[in-house]
Amino acid sequence: MPPGSSIESMSTRLLFLNFASLHTSSWTINHVLLDLAAYPEYQDPLKEEVELVLHKFGGWKKQALTQMKKLDSVLHESQRLNAIMASTSVNPRWVMIHDLTHSTATIIRKIVPAF
């Protein structure tokens, strides 16, 4: 048997991967629900989109999921705001060169770090 392929070794690795995947999925769903609770104005449009797409495709199918643009946006934004990596040693990204103006006229100000 190759090194690291004993039943105990493989079981330990599989349990670790299962824990990691459950932890991140739980974290993500928890934060999406908390974000939707904090911003109730997004609940009805999201619910309408999900109901419309599920009716159109006859349930939770891969094609239906690809049509849920608002749900996709909510998930992405929630992950951006509550990133698991934000609690690690990875530094956040900073705008350091000049102010940025988005197409919606939102301005992201330049940050001068103090280090």
C-alpha atoms as a PDB file:
ATOM      1  CA  MET A   1       0.000   0.000   0.000  1.00  0.00           C
ATOM      2  CA  PRO A   2       1.442   3.460  -0.903  1.00  0.00           C
ATOM      3  CA  PRO A   3       2.337   5.775   2.010  1.00  0.00           C
ATOM      4  CA  GLY A   4      -0.626   7.714   3.395  1.00  0.00           C
ATOM      5  CA  SER A   5      -3.195   5.334   1.933  1.00  0.00           C
ATOM      6  CA  SER A   6      -4.021   3.347   5.059  1.00  0.00           C
ATOM      7  CA  ILE A   7      -7.682   3.180   6.037  1.00  0.00           C
ATOM      8  CA  GLU A   8      -6.979   5.399   9.045  1.00  0.00           C
ATOM      9  CA  SER A   9      -5.084   7.984   6.993  1.00  0.00           C
ATOM     10  CA  MET A  10      -7.704   8.139   4.251  1.00  0.00           C
ATOM     11  CA  SER A  11     -10.524   8.310   6.818  1.00  0.00           C
ATOM     12  CA  THR A  12      -8.828  11.189   8.629  1.00  0.00           C
ATOM     13  CA  ARG A  13      -8.364  13.134   5.384  1.00  0.00           C
ATOM     14  CA  LEU A  14     -11.953  12.471   4.316  1.00  0.00           C
ATOM     15  CA  LEU A  15     -13.327  13.594   7.697  1.00  0.00           C
ATOM     16  CA  PHE A  16     -11.226  16.775   7.512  1.00  0.00           C
ATOM     17  CA  LEU A  17     -12.526  17.558   4.000  1.00  0.00           C
ATOM     18  CA  ASN A  18     -16.114  16.864   5.062  1.00  0.00           C
ATOM     19  CA  PHE A  19     -15.753  19.161   8.069  1.00  0.00           C
ATOM     20  CA  ALA A  20     -14.165  21.902   5.956  1.00  0.00           C
ATOM     21  CA  SER A  21     -16.879  21.745   3.292  1.00  0.00           C
ATOM     22  CA  LEU A  22     -19.704  21.697   5.838  1.00  0.00           C
ATOM     23  CA  HIS A  23     -18.129  24.548   7.793  1.00  0.00           C
ATOM     24  CA  THR A  24     -17.769  26.840   4.785  1.00  0.00           C
ATOM     25  CA  SER A  25     -21.238  26.002   3.452  1.00  0.00           C
ATOM     26  CA  SER A  26     -22.773  26.625   6.874  1.00  0.00           C
ATOM     27  CA  TRP A  27     -20.850  29.897   7.208  1.00  0.00           C
ATOM     28  CA  THR A  28     -22.045  31.050   3.788  1.00  0.00           C
ATOM     29  CA  ILE A  29     -25.726  30.181   4.287  1.00  0.00           C
ATOM     30  CA  ASN A  30     -25.718  31.661   7.789  1.00  0.00           C
ATOM     31  CA  HIS A  31     -24.323  34.974   6.554  1.00  0.00           C
ATOM     32  CA  VAL A  32     -26.670  35.132   3.555  1.00  0.00           C
ATOM     33  CA  LEU A  33     -29.636  34.731   5.904  1.00  0.00           C
ATOM     34  CA  LEU A  34     -28.255  37.335   8.314  1.00  0.00           C
ATOM     35  CA  ASP A  35     -27.624  39.771   5.451  1.00  0.00           C
ATOM     36  CA  LEU A  36     -31.158  39.270   4.122  1.00  0.00           C
ATOM     37  CA  ALA A  37     -32.530  39.846   7.617  1.00  0.00           C
ATOM     38  CA  ALA A  38     -30.493  43.060   7.880  1.00  0.00           C
ATOM     39  CA  TYR A  39     -31.695  44.264   4.452  1.00  0.00           C
ATOM     40  CA  PRO A  40     -35.348  43.149   4.177  1.00  0.00           C
ATOM     41  CA  GLU A  41     -35.895  45.282   1.065  1.00  0.00           C
ATOM     42  CA  TYR A  42     -34.079  42.561  -0.929  1.00  0.00           C
ATOM     43  CA  GLN A  43     -36.267  39.705   0.299  1.00  0.00           C
ATOM     44  CA  ASP A  44     -39.342  40.242  -1.898  1.00  0.00           C
ATOM     45  CA  PRO A  45     -37.483  40.767  -5.211  1.00  0.00           C
ATOM     46  CA  LEU A  46     -35.385  37.698  -4.470  1.00  0.00           C
ATOM     47  CA  LYS A  47     -38.439  35.617  -3.549  1.00  0.00           C
ATOM     48  CA  GLU A  48     -40.243  36.730  -6.725  1.00  0.00           C
ATOM     49  CA  GLU A  49     -37.285  35.778  -8.904  1.00  0.00           C
ATOM     50  CA  VAL A  50     -36.925  32.341  -7.298  1.00  0.00           C
ATOM     51  CA  GLU A  51     -40.656  31.598  -7.575  1.00  0.00           C
ATOM     52  CA  LEU A  52     -40.792  32.736 -11.211  1.00  0.00           C
ATOM     53  CA  VAL A  53     -37.750  30.707 -12.268  1.00  0.00           C
ATOM     54  CA  LEU A  54     -38.827  27.590 -10.353  1.00  0.00           C
ATOM     55  CA  HIS A  55     -42.259  27.763 -11.984  1.00  0.00           C
ATOM     56  CA  LYS A  56     -40.712  28.263 -15.436  1.00  0.00           C
ATOM     57  CA  PHE A  57     -38.310  25.304 -15.114  1.00  0.00           C
ATOM     58  CA  GLY A  58     -40.519  23.046 -12.986  1.00  0.00           C
ATOM     59  CA  GLY A  59     -38.344  22.976  -9.878  1.00  0.00           C
ATOM     60  CA  TRP A  60     -34.762  23.141  -8.704  1.00  0.00           C
ATOM     61  CA  LYS A  61     -32.828  22.201 -11.836  1.00  0.00           C
ATOM     62  CA  LYS A  62     -29.419  23.271 -13.079  1.00  0.00           C
ATOM     63  CA  GLN A  63     -30.986  25.391 -15.831  1.00  0.00           C
ATOM     64  CA  ALA A  64     -33.177  27.116 -13.246  1.00  0.00           C
ATOM     65  CA  LEU A  65     -30.205  27.963 -11.045  1.00  0.00           C
ATOM     66  CA  THR A  66     -28.374  29.596 -13.953  1.00  0.00           C
ATOM     67  CA  GLN A  67     -31.355  31.952 -14.427  1.00  0.00           C
ATOM     68  CA  MET A  68     -31.430  33.190 -10.820  1.00  0.00           C
ATOM     69  CA  LYS A  69     -29.318  36.300 -11.327  1.00  0.00           C
ATOM     70  CA  LYS A  70     -30.506  38.107  -8.196  1.00  0.00           C
ATOM     71  CA  LEU A  71     -29.865  35.055  -6.024  1.00  0.00           C
ATOM     72  CA  ASP A  72     -26.400  34.772  -7.543  1.00  0.00           C
ATOM     73  CA  SER A  73     -25.730  38.449  -6.809  1.00  0.00           C
ATOM     74  CA  VAL A  74     -26.946  38.131  -3.216  1.00  0.00           C
ATOM     75  CA  LEU A  75     -24.703  35.097  -2.623  1.00  0.00           C
ATOM     76  CA  HIS A  76     -21.667  36.797  -4.165  1.00  0.00           C
ATOM     77  CA  GLU A  77     -22.153  40.056  -2.285  1.00  0.00           C
ATOM     78  CA  SER A  78     -22.697  38.263   1.011  1.00  0.00           C
ATOM     79  CA  GLN A  79     -19.527  36.242   0.464  1.00  0.00           C
ATOM     80  CA  ARG A  80     -17.639  39.421  -0.400  1.00  0.00           C
ATOM     81  CA  LEU A  81     -18.825  41.178   2.757  1.00  0.00           C
ATOM     82  CA  ASN A  82     -18.378  38.156   5.027  1.00  0.00           C
ATOM     83  CA  ALA A  83     -15.426  36.419   3.448  1.00  0.00           C
ATOM     84  CA  ILE A  84     -13.950  33.575   5.451  1.00  0.00           C
ATOM     85  CA  MET A  85     -10.529  34.779   4.334  1.00  0.00           C
ATOM     86  CA  ALA A  86     -11.183  38.116   6.046  1.00  0.00           C
ATOM     87  CA  SER A  87     -10.626  36.400   9.388  1.00  0.00           C
ATOM     88  CA  THR A  88      -7.248  35.019   8.372  1.00  0.00           C
ATOM     89  CA  SER A  89      -3.880  36.647   7.876  1.00  0.00           C
ATOM     90  CA  VAL A  90      -4.724  37.705   4.300  1.00  0.00           C
ATOM     91  CA  ASN A  91      -4.762  41.499   3.982  1.00  0.00           C
ATOM     92  CA  PRO A  92      -7.757  43.188   2.363  1.00  0.00           C
ATOM     93  CA  ARG A  93      -7.321  44.942  -0.965  1.00  0.00           C
ATOM     94  CA  TRP A  94      -6.791  48.677  -0.806  1.00  0.00           C
ATOM     95  CA  VAL A  95      -7.201  51.365  -3.409  1.00  0.00           C
ATOM     96  CA  MET A  96      -3.864  53.109  -3.122  1.00  0.00           C
ATOM     97  CA  ILE A  97      -3.238  54.913  -6.410  1.00  0.00           C
ATOM     98  CA  HIS A  98      -6.239  57.198  -6.942  1.00  0.00           C
ATOM     99  CA  ASP A  99      -9.968  57.443  -6.303  1.00  0.00           C
ATOM    100  CA  LEU A 100     -12.073  55.096  -8.435  1.00  0.00           C
ATOM    101  CA  THR A 101     -15.442  56.083  -9.897  1.00  0.00           C
ATOM    102  CA  HIS A 102     -17.848  53.266 -10.726  1.00  0.00           C
ATOM    103  CA  SER A 103     -20.257  53.483 -13.672  1.00  0.00           C
ATOM    104  CA  THR A 104     -23.034  54.143 -11.130  1.00  0.00           C
ATOM    105  CA  ALA A 105     -21.133  57.265  -9.991  1.00  0.00           C
ATOM    106  CA  THR A 106     -20.133  55.564  -6.718  1.00  0.00           C
ATOM    107  CA  ILE A 107     -16.721  56.824  -5.651  1.00  0.00           C
ATOM    108  CA  ILE A 108     -14.251  54.560  -3.868  1.00  0.00           C
ATOM    109  CA  ARG A 109     -11.772  56.788  -2.086  1.00  0.00           C
ATOM    110  CA  LYS A 110      -8.059  56.207  -2.110  1.00  0.00           C
ATOM    111  CA  ILE A 111      -6.678  54.812   1.157  1.00  0.00           C
ATOM    112  CA  VAL A 112      -3.252  55.752   2.419  1.00  0.00           C
ATOM    113  CA  PRO A 113      -2.190  52.961   4.788  1.00  0.00           C
ATOM    114  CA  ALA A 114      -0.329  53.970   7.920  1.00  0.00           C
ATOM    115  CA  PHE A 115       2.472  51.449   8.190  1.00  0.00           C
END
